[in-house]
mmCIF file of all heavy atoms, coordinates in Angstrom:
data_MODEL
# 
_entry.id   MODEL 
# 
loop_
_atom_site.group_PDB 
_atom_site.id 
_atom_site.type_symbol 
_atom_site.label_atom_id 
_atom_site.label_alt_id 
_atom_site.label_comp_id 
_atom_site.label_asym_id 
_atom_site.label_entity_id 
_atom_site.label_seq_id 
_atom_site.pdbx_PDB_ins_code 
_atom_site.Cartn_x 
_atom_site.Cartn_y 
_atom_site.Cartn_z 
_atom_site.occupancy 
_atom_site.B_iso_or_equiv 
_atom_site.pdbx_formal_charge 
_atom_site.auth_seq_id 
_atom_site.auth_comp_id 
_atom_site.auth_asym_id 
_atom_site.auth_atom_id 
_atom_site.pdbx_PDB_model_num 
ATOM 1   N N   . ALA A 1 1  ? 119.748 119.013 162.484 1.00 0.00 ? 1  ALA A N   1 
ATOM 2   C CA  . ALA A 1 1  ? 120.901 119.785 162.955 1.00 0.00 ? 1  ALA A CA  1 
ATOM 3   C C   . ALA A 1 1  ? 121.407 119.307 164.278 1.00 0.00 ? 1  ALA A C   1 
ATOM 4   O O   . ALA A 1 1  ? 122.610 119.440 164.576 1.00 0.00 ? 1  ALA A O   1 
ATOM 5   C CB  . ALA A 1 1  ? 120.518 121.262 163.020 1.00 0.00 ? 1  ALA A CB  1 
ATOM 6   N N   . SER A 1 2  ? 120.529 118.695 165.098 1.00 0.00 ? 2  SER A N   1 
ATOM 7   C CA  . SER A 1 2  ? 120.972 118.238 166.404 1.00 0.00 ? 2  SER A CA  1 
ATOM 8   C C   . SER A 1 2  ? 121.526 116.807 166.405 1.00 0.00 ? 2  SER A C   1 
ATOM 9   O O   . SER A 1 2  ? 122.050 116.363 167.418 1.00 0.00 ? 2  SER A O   1 
ATOM 10  C CB  . SER A 1 2  ? 119.806 118.368 167.393 1.00 0.00 ? 2  SER A CB  1 
ATOM 11  O OG  . SER A 1 2  ? 118.782 117.454 167.049 1.00 0.00 ? 2  SER A OG  1 
ATOM 12  N N   . ALA A 1 3  ? 121.492 116.115 165.295 1.00 0.00 ? 3  ALA A N   1 
ATOM 13  C CA  . ALA A 1 3  ? 121.988 114.777 165.210 1.00 0.00 ? 3  ALA A CA  1 
ATOM 14  C C   . ALA A 1 3  ? 123.471 114.649 165.654 1.00 0.00 ? 3  ALA A C   1 
ATOM 15  O O   . ALA A 1 3  ? 123.852 113.716 166.372 1.00 0.00 ? 3  ALA A O   1 
ATOM 16  C CB  . ALA A 1 3  ? 121.775 114.206 163.837 1.00 0.00 ? 3  ALA A CB  1 
ATOM 17  N N   . PRO A 1 4  ? 124.335 115.574 165.241 1.00 0.00 ? 4  PRO A N   1 
ATOM 18  C CA  . PRO A 1 4  ? 125.735 115.472 165.704 1.00 0.00 ? 4  PRO A CA  1 
ATOM 19  C C   . PRO A 1 4  ? 125.851 115.619 167.238 1.00 0.00 ? 4  PRO A C   1 
ATOM 20  O O   . PRO A 1 4  ? 126.721 114.999 167.829 1.00 0.00 ? 4  PRO A O   1 
ATOM 21  C CB  . PRO A 1 4  ? 126.438 116.665 164.971 1.00 0.00 ? 4  PRO A CB  1 
ATOM 22  C CG  . PRO A 1 4  ? 125.618 116.908 163.778 1.00 0.00 ? 4  PRO A CG  1 
ATOM 23  C CD  . PRO A 1 4  ? 124.195 116.622 164.212 1.00 0.00 ? 4  PRO A CD  1 
ATOM 24  N N   . LEU A 1 5  ? 124.979 116.400 167.816 1.00 0.00 ? 5  LEU A N   1 
ATOM 25  C CA  . LEU A 1 5  ? 125.022 116.502 169.282 1.00 0.00 ? 5  LEU A CA  1 
ATOM 26  C C   . LEU A 1 5  ? 124.602 115.172 169.955 1.00 0.00 ? 5  LEU A C   1 
ATOM 27  O O   . LEU A 1 5  ? 125.181 114.807 170.991 1.00 0.00 ? 5  LEU A O   1 
ATOM 28  C CB  . LEU A 1 5  ? 124.110 117.640 169.771 1.00 0.00 ? 5  LEU A CB  1 
ATOM 29  C CG  . LEU A 1 5  ? 124.480 119.033 169.222 1.00 0.00 ? 5  LEU A CG  1 
ATOM 30  C CD1 . LEU A 1 5  ? 123.419 120.081 169.693 1.00 0.00 ? 5  LEU A CD1 1 
ATOM 31  C CD2 . LEU A 1 5  ? 125.835 119.396 169.722 1.00 0.00 ? 5  LEU A CD2 1 
ATOM 32  N N   . ALA A 1 6  ? 123.683 114.506 169.365 1.00 0.00 ? 6  ALA A N   1 
ATOM 33  C CA  . ALA A 1 6  ? 123.270 113.190 169.869 1.00 0.00 ? 6  ALA A CA  1 
ATOM 34  C C   . ALA A 1 6  ? 124.465 112.202 169.738 1.00 0.00 ? 6  ALA A C   1 
ATOM 35  O O   . ALA A 1 6  ? 124.691 111.382 170.607 1.00 0.00 ? 6  ALA A O   1 
ATOM 36  C CB  . ALA A 1 6  ? 122.010 112.684 169.156 1.00 0.00 ? 6  ALA A CB  1 
ATOM 37  N N   . TRP A 1 7  ? 125.155 112.304 168.613 1.00 0.00 ? 7  TRP A N   1 
ATOM 38  C CA  . TRP A 1 7  ? 126.319 111.435 168.385 1.00 0.00 ? 7  TRP A CA  1 
ATOM 39  C C   . TRP A 1 7  ? 127.378 111.709 169.504 1.00 0.00 ? 7  TRP A C   1 
ATOM 40  O O   . TRP A 1 7  ? 127.957 110.771 170.012 1.00 0.00 ? 7  TRP A O   1 
ATOM 41  C CB  . TRP A 1 7  ? 126.895 111.687 167.015 1.00 0.00 ? 7  TRP A CB  1 
ATOM 42  C CG  . TRP A 1 7  ? 128.085 110.826 166.702 1.00 0.00 ? 7  TRP A CG  1 
ATOM 43  C CD1 . TRP A 1 7  ? 129.358 111.024 167.122 1.00 0.00 ? 7  TRP A CD1 1 
ATOM 44  C CD2 . TRP A 1 7  ? 128.081 109.641 165.930 1.00 0.00 ? 7  TRP A CD2 1 
ATOM 45  N NE1 . TRP A 1 7  ? 130.186 110.026 166.631 1.00 0.00 ? 7  TRP A NE1 1 
ATOM 46  C CE2 . TRP A 1 7  ? 129.413 109.153 165.909 1.00 0.00 ? 7  TRP A CE2 1 
ATOM 47  C CE3 . TRP A 1 7  ? 127.094 108.930 165.253 1.00 0.00 ? 7  TRP A CE3 1 
ATOM 48  C CZ2 . TRP A 1 7  ? 129.758 107.971 165.230 1.00 0.00 ? 7  TRP A CZ2 1 
ATOM 49  C CZ3 . TRP A 1 7  ? 127.483 107.780 164.540 1.00 0.00 ? 7  TRP A CZ3 1 
ATOM 50  C CH2 . TRP A 1 7  ? 128.778 107.335 164.547 1.00 0.00 ? 7  TRP A CH2 1 
ATOM 51  N N   . LEU A 1 8  ? 127.621 112.971 169.776 1.00 0.00 ? 8  LEU A N   1 
ATOM 52  C CA  . LEU A 1 8  ? 128.610 113.319 170.808 1.00 0.00 ? 8  LEU A CA  1 
ATOM 53  C C   . LEU A 1 8  ? 128.243 112.746 172.164 1.00 0.00 ? 8  LEU A C   1 
ATOM 54  O O   . LEU A 1 8  ? 129.114 112.544 173.017 1.00 0.00 ? 8  LEU A O   1 
ATOM 55  C CB  . LEU A 1 8  ? 128.748 114.835 170.884 1.00 0.00 ? 8  LEU A CB  1 
ATOM 56  C CG  . LEU A 1 8  ? 129.603 115.492 169.793 1.00 0.00 ? 8  LEU A CG  1 
ATOM 57  C CD1 . LEU A 1 8  ? 129.534 117.035 169.920 1.00 0.00 ? 8  LEU A CD1 1 
ATOM 58  C CD2 . LEU A 1 8  ? 131.022 114.999 169.845 1.00 0.00 ? 8  LEU A CD2 1 
ATOM 59  N N   . ALA A 1 9  ? 126.952 112.533 172.438 1.00 0.00 ? 9  ALA A N   1 
ATOM 60  C CA  . ALA A 1 9  ? 126.539 111.969 173.715 1.00 0.00 ? 9  ALA A CA  1 
ATOM 61  C C   . ALA A 1 9  ? 126.997 110.551 173.885 1.00 0.00 ? 9  ALA A C   1 
ATOM 62  O O   . ALA A 1 9  ? 127.127 110.071 174.998 1.00 0.00 ? 9  ALA A O   1 
ATOM 63  C CB  . ALA A 1 9  ? 125.028 112.073 173.836 1.00 0.00 ? 9  ALA A CB  1 
ATOM 64  N N   . VAL A 1 10 ? 127.239 109.829 172.785 1.00 0.00 ? 10 VAL A N   1 
ATOM 65  C CA  . VAL A 1 10 ? 127.632 108.425 172.858 1.00 0.00 ? 10 VAL A CA  1 
ATOM 66  C C   . VAL A 1 10 ? 129.051 108.163 172.414 1.00 0.00 ? 10 VAL A C   1 
ATOM 67  O O   . VAL A 1 10 ? 129.581 107.092 172.645 1.00 0.00 ? 10 VAL A O   1 
ATOM 68  C CB  . VAL A 1 10 ? 126.675 107.522 172.044 1.00 0.00 ? 10 VAL A CB  1 
ATOM 69  C CG1 . VAL A 1 10 ? 125.288 107.568 172.635 1.00 0.00 ? 10 VAL A CG1 1 
ATOM 70  C CG2 . VAL A 1 10 ? 126.651 107.913 170.595 1.00 0.00 ? 10 VAL A CG2 1 
ATOM 71  N N   . GLY A 1 11 ? 129.704 109.111 171.770 1.00 0.00 ? 11 GLY A N   1 
ATOM 72  C CA  . GLY A 1 11 ? 131.084 108.898 171.307 1.00 0.00 ? 11 GLY A CA  1 
ATOM 73  C C   . GLY A 1 11 ? 131.685 110.128 170.658 1.00 0.00 ? 11 GLY A C   1 
ATOM 74  O O   . GLY A 1 11 ? 130.994 111.117 170.478 1.00 0.00 ? 11 GLY A O   1 
ATOM 75  N N   . ALA A 1 12 ? 132.924 109.980 170.280 1.00 0.00 ? 12 ALA A N   1 
ATOM 76  C CA  . ALA A 1 12 ? 133.634 111.104 169.637 1.00 0.00 ? 12 ALA A CA  1 
ATOM 77  C C   . ALA A 1 12 ? 133.183 111.181 168.165 1.00 0.00 ? 12 ALA A C   1 
ATOM 78  O O   . ALA A 1 12 ? 132.900 110.178 167.523 1.00 0.00 ? 12 ALA A O   1 
ATOM 79  C CB  . ALA A 1 12 ? 135.109 110.922 169.713 1.00 0.00 ? 12 ALA A CB  1 
ATOM 80  N N   . MET A 1 13 ? 133.201 112.359 167.648 1.00 0.00 ? 13 MET A N   1 
ATOM 81  C CA  . MET A 1 13 ? 132.889 112.597 166.223 1.00 0.00 ? 13 MET A CA  1 
ATOM 82  C C   . MET A 1 13 ? 134.046 112.065 165.377 1.00 0.00 ? 13 MET A C   1 
ATOM 83  O O   . MET A 1 13 ? 135.198 112.272 165.754 1.00 0.00 ? 13 MET A O   1 
ATOM 84  C CB  . MET A 1 13 ? 132.668 114.074 165.939 1.00 0.00 ? 13 MET A CB  1 
ATOM 85  C CG  . MET A 1 13 ? 131.436 114.664 166.550 1.00 0.00 ? 13 MET A CG  1 
ATOM 86  S SD  . MET A 1 13 ? 129.906 114.046 165.828 1.00 0.00 ? 13 MET A SD  1 
ATOM 87  C CE  . MET A 1 13 ? 129.964 114.818 164.272 1.00 0.00 ? 13 MET A CE  1 
ATOM 88  N N   . PRO A 1 14 ? 133.706 111.457 164.254 1.00 0.00 ? 14 PRO A N   1 
ATOM 89  C CA  . PRO A 1 14 ? 134.822 111.088 163.370 1.00 0.00 ? 14 PRO A CA  1 
ATOM 90  C C   . PRO A 1 14 ? 135.477 112.333 162.787 1.00 0.00 ? 14 PRO A C   1 
ATOM 91  O O   . PRO A 1 14 ? 134.785 113.366 162.658 1.00 0.00 ? 14 PRO A O   1 
ATOM 92  C CB  . PRO A 1 14 ? 134.104 110.271 162.257 1.00 0.00 ? 14 PRO A CB  1 
ATOM 93  C CG  . PRO A 1 14 ? 132.703 110.577 162.390 1.00 0.00 ? 14 PRO A CG  1 
ATOM 94  C CD  . PRO A 1 14 ? 132.416 111.083 163.745 1.00 0.00 ? 14 PRO A CD  1 
ATOM 95  N N   . PRO A 1 15 ? 136.746 112.266 162.471 1.00 0.00 ? 15 PRO A N   1 
ATOM 96  C CA  . PRO A 1 15 ? 137.401 113.480 161.928 1.00 0.00 ? 15 PRO A CA  1 
ATOM 97  C C   . PRO A 1 15 ? 136.857 113.820 160.570 1.00 0.00 ? 15 PRO A C   1 
ATOM 98  O O   . PRO A 1 15 ? 136.559 112.972 159.749 1.00 0.00 ? 15 PRO A O   1 
ATOM 99  C CB  . PRO A 1 15 ? 138.887 113.085 161.844 1.00 0.00 ? 15 PRO A CB  1 
ATOM 100 C CG  . PRO A 1 15 ? 138.871 111.585 161.829 1.00 0.00 ? 15 PRO A CG  1 
ATOM 101 C CD  . PRO A 1 15 ? 137.625 111.161 162.587 1.00 0.00 ? 15 PRO A CD  1 
ATOM 102 N N   . ALA A 1 16 ? 136.705 115.114 160.358 1.00 0.00 ? 16 ALA A N   1 
ATOM 103 C CA  . ALA A 1 16 ? 136.225 115.612 159.081 1.00 0.00 ? 16 ALA A CA  1 
ATOM 104 C C   . ALA A 1 16 ? 137.413 115.973 158.197 1.00 0.00 ? 16 ALA A C   1 
ATOM 105 O O   . ALA A 1 16 ? 138.395 116.585 158.689 1.00 0.00 ? 16 ALA A O   1 
ATOM 106 C CB  . ALA A 1 16 ? 135.361 116.865 159.260 1.00 0.00 ? 16 ALA A CB  1 
ATOM 107 N N   . GLN A 1 17 ? 137.378 115.576 156.968 1.00 0.00 ? 17 GLN A N   1 
ATOM 108 C CA  . GLN A 1 17 ? 138.455 115.905 156.028 1.00 0.00 ? 17 GLN A CA  1 
ATOM 109 C C   . GLN A 1 17 ? 137.829 116.505 154.789 1.00 0.00 ? 17 GLN A C   1 
ATOM 110 O O   . GLN A 1 17 ? 137.098 115.840 154.096 1.00 0.00 ? 17 GLN A O   1 
ATOM 111 C CB  . GLN A 1 17 ? 139.245 114.657 155.671 1.00 0.00 ? 17 GLN A CB  1 
ATOM 112 C CG  . GLN A 1 17 ? 140.378 114.950 154.699 1.00 0.00 ? 17 GLN A CG  1 
ATOM 113 C CD  . GLN A 1 17 ? 141.163 113.716 154.358 1.00 0.00 ? 17 GLN A CD  1 
ATOM 114 O OE1 . GLN A 1 17 ? 141.158 112.739 155.106 1.00 0.00 ? 17 GLN A OE1 1 
ATOM 115 N NE2 . GLN A 1 17 ? 141.848 113.736 153.269 1.00 0.00 ? 17 GLN A NE2 1 
ATOM 116 N N   . ILE A 1 18 ? 138.124 117.755 154.563 1.00 0.00 ? 18 ILE A N   1 
ATOM 117 C CA  . ILE A 1 18 ? 137.558 118.465 153.391 1.00 0.00 ? 18 ILE A CA  1 
ATOM 118 C C   . ILE A 1 18 ? 138.734 118.795 152.481 1.00 0.00 ? 18 ILE A C   1 
ATOM 119 O O   . ILE A 1 18 ? 139.629 119.524 152.876 1.00 0.00 ? 18 ILE A O   1 
ATOM 120 C CB  . ILE A 1 18 ? 136.812 119.731 153.769 1.00 0.00 ? 18 ILE A CB  1 
ATOM 121 C CG1 . ILE A 1 18 ? 135.649 119.345 154.719 1.00 0.00 ? 18 ILE A CG1 1 
ATOM 122 C CG2 . ILE A 1 18 ? 136.334 120.503 152.573 1.00 0.00 ? 18 ILE A CG2 1 
ATOM 123 C CD1 . ILE A 1 18 ? 134.984 120.528 155.382 1.00 0.00 ? 18 ILE A CD1 1 
ATOM 124 N N   . ASP A 1 19 ? 138.718 118.188 151.276 1.00 0.00 ? 19 ASP A N   1 
ATOM 125 C CA  . ASP A 1 19 ? 139.830 118.282 150.374 1.00 0.00 ? 19 ASP A CA  1 
ATOM 126 C C   . ASP A 1 19 ? 139.717 119.395 149.321 1.00 0.00 ? 19 ASP A C   1 
ATOM 127 O O   . ASP A 1 19 ? 140.547 119.455 148.439 1.00 0.00 ? 19 ASP A O   1 
ATOM 128 C CB  . ASP A 1 19 ? 140.071 116.979 149.692 1.00 0.00 ? 19 ASP A CB  1 
ATOM 129 C CG  . ASP A 1 19 ? 140.441 115.859 150.630 1.00 0.00 ? 19 ASP A CG  1 
ATOM 130 O OD1 . ASP A 1 19 ? 141.075 116.154 151.666 1.00 0.00 ? 19 ASP A OD1 1 
ATOM 131 O OD2 . ASP A 1 19 ? 140.074 114.677 150.360 1.00 0.00 ? 19 ASP A OD2 1 
ATOM 132 N N   . HIS A 1 20 ? 138.643 120.166 149.382 1.00 0.00 ? 20 HIS A N   1 
ATOM 133 C CA  . HIS A 1 20 ? 138.421 121.188 148.349 1.00 0.00 ? 20 HIS A CA  1 
ATOM 134 C C   . HIS A 1 20 ? 138.236 122.540 148.966 1.00 0.00 ? 20 HIS A C   1 
ATOM 135 O O   . HIS A 1 20 ? 137.917 122.666 150.171 1.00 0.00 ? 20 HIS A O   1 
ATOM 136 C CB  . HIS A 1 20 ? 137.232 120.779 147.462 1.00 0.00 ? 20 HIS A CB  1 
ATOM 137 C CG  . HIS A 1 20 ? 137.494 119.509 146.723 1.00 0.00 ? 20 HIS A CG  1 
ATOM 138 N ND1 . HIS A 1 20 ? 138.384 119.419 145.649 1.00 0.00 ? 20 HIS A ND1 1 
ATOM 139 C CD2 . HIS A 1 20 ? 137.030 118.251 146.893 1.00 0.00 ? 20 HIS A CD2 1 
ATOM 140 C CE1 . HIS A 1 20 ? 138.442 118.207 145.197 1.00 0.00 ? 20 HIS A CE1 1 
ATOM 141 N NE2 . HIS A 1 20 ? 137.636 117.444 145.954 1.00 0.00 ? 20 HIS A NE2 1 
ATOM 142 N N   . SER A 1 21 ? 138.312 123.551 148.143 1.00 0.00 ? 21 SER A N   1 
ATOM 143 C CA  . SER A 1 21 ? 138.232 124.945 148.648 1.00 0.00 ? 21 SER A CA  1 
ATOM 144 C C   . SER A 1 21 ? 136.782 125.296 149.006 1.00 0.00 ? 21 SER A C   1 
ATOM 145 O O   . SER A 1 21 ? 135.837 124.745 148.454 1.00 0.00 ? 21 SER A O   1 
ATOM 146 C CB  . SER A 1 21 ? 138.733 125.891 147.562 1.00 0.00 ? 21 SER A CB  1 
ATOM 147 O OG  . SER A 1 21 ? 137.770 125.930 146.506 1.00 0.00 ? 21 SER A OG  1 
ATOM 148 N N   . PRO A 1 22 ? 136.617 126.288 149.886 1.00 0.00 ? 22 PRO A N   1 
ATOM 149 C CA  . PRO A 1 22 ? 135.296 126.753 150.213 1.00 0.00 ? 22 PRO A CA  1 
ATOM 150 C C   . PRO A 1 22 ? 134.553 127.264 148.992 1.00 0.00 ? 22 PRO A C   1 
ATOM 151 O O   . PRO A 1 22 ? 133.341 127.122 148.854 1.00 0.00 ? 22 PRO A O   1 
ATOM 152 C CB  . PRO A 1 22 ? 135.556 127.864 151.203 1.00 0.00 ? 22 PRO A CB  1 
ATOM 153 C CG  . PRO A 1 22 ? 136.864 127.562 151.840 1.00 0.00 ? 22 PRO A CG  1 
ATOM 154 C CD  . PRO A 1 22 ? 137.641 126.853 150.753 1.00 0.00 ? 22 PRO A CD  1 
ATOM 155 N N   . ALA A 1 23 ? 135.267 127.870 148.023 1.00 0.00 ? 23 ALA A N   1 
ATOM 156 C CA  . ALA A 1 23 ? 134.616 128.364 146.822 1.00 0.00 ? 23 ALA A CA  1 
ATOM 157 C C   . ALA A 1 23 ? 134.010 127.210 145.995 1.00 0.00 ? 23 ALA A C   1 
ATOM 158 O O   . ALA A 1 23 ? 132.875 127.289 145.563 1.00 0.00 ? 23 ALA A O   1 
ATOM 159 C CB  . ALA A 1 23 ? 135.622 129.120 145.956 1.00 0.00 ? 23 ALA A CB  1 
ATOM 160 N N   . LEU A 1 24 ? 134.759 126.111 145.855 1.00 0.00 ? 24 LEU A N   1 
ATOM 161 C CA  . LEU A 1 24 ? 134.210 124.966 145.101 1.00 0.00 ? 24 LEU A CA  1 
ATOM 162 C C   . LEU A 1 24 ? 133.056 124.335 145.825 1.00 0.00 ? 24 LEU A C   1 
ATOM 163 O O   . LEU A 1 24 ? 132.058 123.965 145.191 1.00 0.00 ? 24 LEU A O   1 
ATOM 164 C CB  . LEU A 1 24 ? 135.332 123.916 144.908 1.00 0.00 ? 24 LEU A CB  1 
ATOM 165 C CG  . LEU A 1 24 ? 134.939 122.694 144.094 1.00 0.00 ? 24 LEU A CG  1 
ATOM 166 C CD1 . LEU A 1 24 ? 134.535 123.088 142.667 1.00 0.00 ? 24 LEU A CD1 1 
ATOM 167 C CD2 . LEU A 1 24 ? 136.074 121.692 144.064 1.00 0.00 ? 24 LEU A CD2 1 
ATOM 168 N N   . LEU A 1 25 ? 133.159 124.272 147.150 1.00 0.00 ? 25 LEU A N   1 
ATOM 169 C CA  . LEU A 1 25 ? 132.007 123.722 147.936 1.00 0.00 ? 25 LEU A CA  1 
ATOM 170 C C   . LEU A 1 25 ? 130.777 124.589 147.809 1.00 0.00 ? 25 LEU A C   1 
ATOM 171 O O   . LEU A 1 25 ? 129.648 124.095 147.742 1.00 0.00 ? 25 LEU A O   1 
ATOM 172 C CB  . LEU A 1 25 ? 132.419 123.553 149.390 1.00 0.00 ? 25 LEU A CB  1 
ATOM 173 C CG  . LEU A 1 25 ? 133.530 122.540 149.645 1.00 0.00 ? 25 LEU A CG  1 
ATOM 174 C CD1 . LEU A 1 25 ? 133.898 122.550 151.141 1.00 0.00 ? 25 LEU A CD1 1 
ATOM 175 C CD2 . LEU A 1 25 ? 133.093 121.131 149.216 1.00 0.00 ? 25 LEU A CD2 1 
ATOM 176 N N   . THR A 1 26 ? 130.975 125.917 147.770 1.00 0.00 ? 26 THR A N   1 
ATOM 177 C CA  . THR A 1 26 ? 129.874 126.851 147.605 1.00 0.00 ? 26 THR A CA  1 
ATOM 178 C C   . THR A 1 26 ? 129.216 126.656 146.254 1.00 0.00 ? 26 THR A C   1 
ATOM 179 O O   . THR A 1 26 ? 127.975 126.619 146.154 1.00 0.00 ? 26 THR A O   1 
ATOM 180 C CB  . THR A 1 26 ? 130.319 128.268 147.808 1.00 0.00 ? 26 THR A CB  1 
ATOM 181 O OG1 . THR A 1 26 ? 130.883 128.417 149.112 1.00 0.00 ? 26 THR A OG1 1 
ATOM 182 C CG2 . THR A 1 26 ? 129.206 129.282 147.656 1.00 0.00 ? 26 THR A CG2 1 
# 
């Protein structure tokens, strides 16, 4: 869970693109 925080320490997070509904993802 802390890996994205480590990434932020060295650079910007890549943009997230979610093309489907929360219901489908669930």
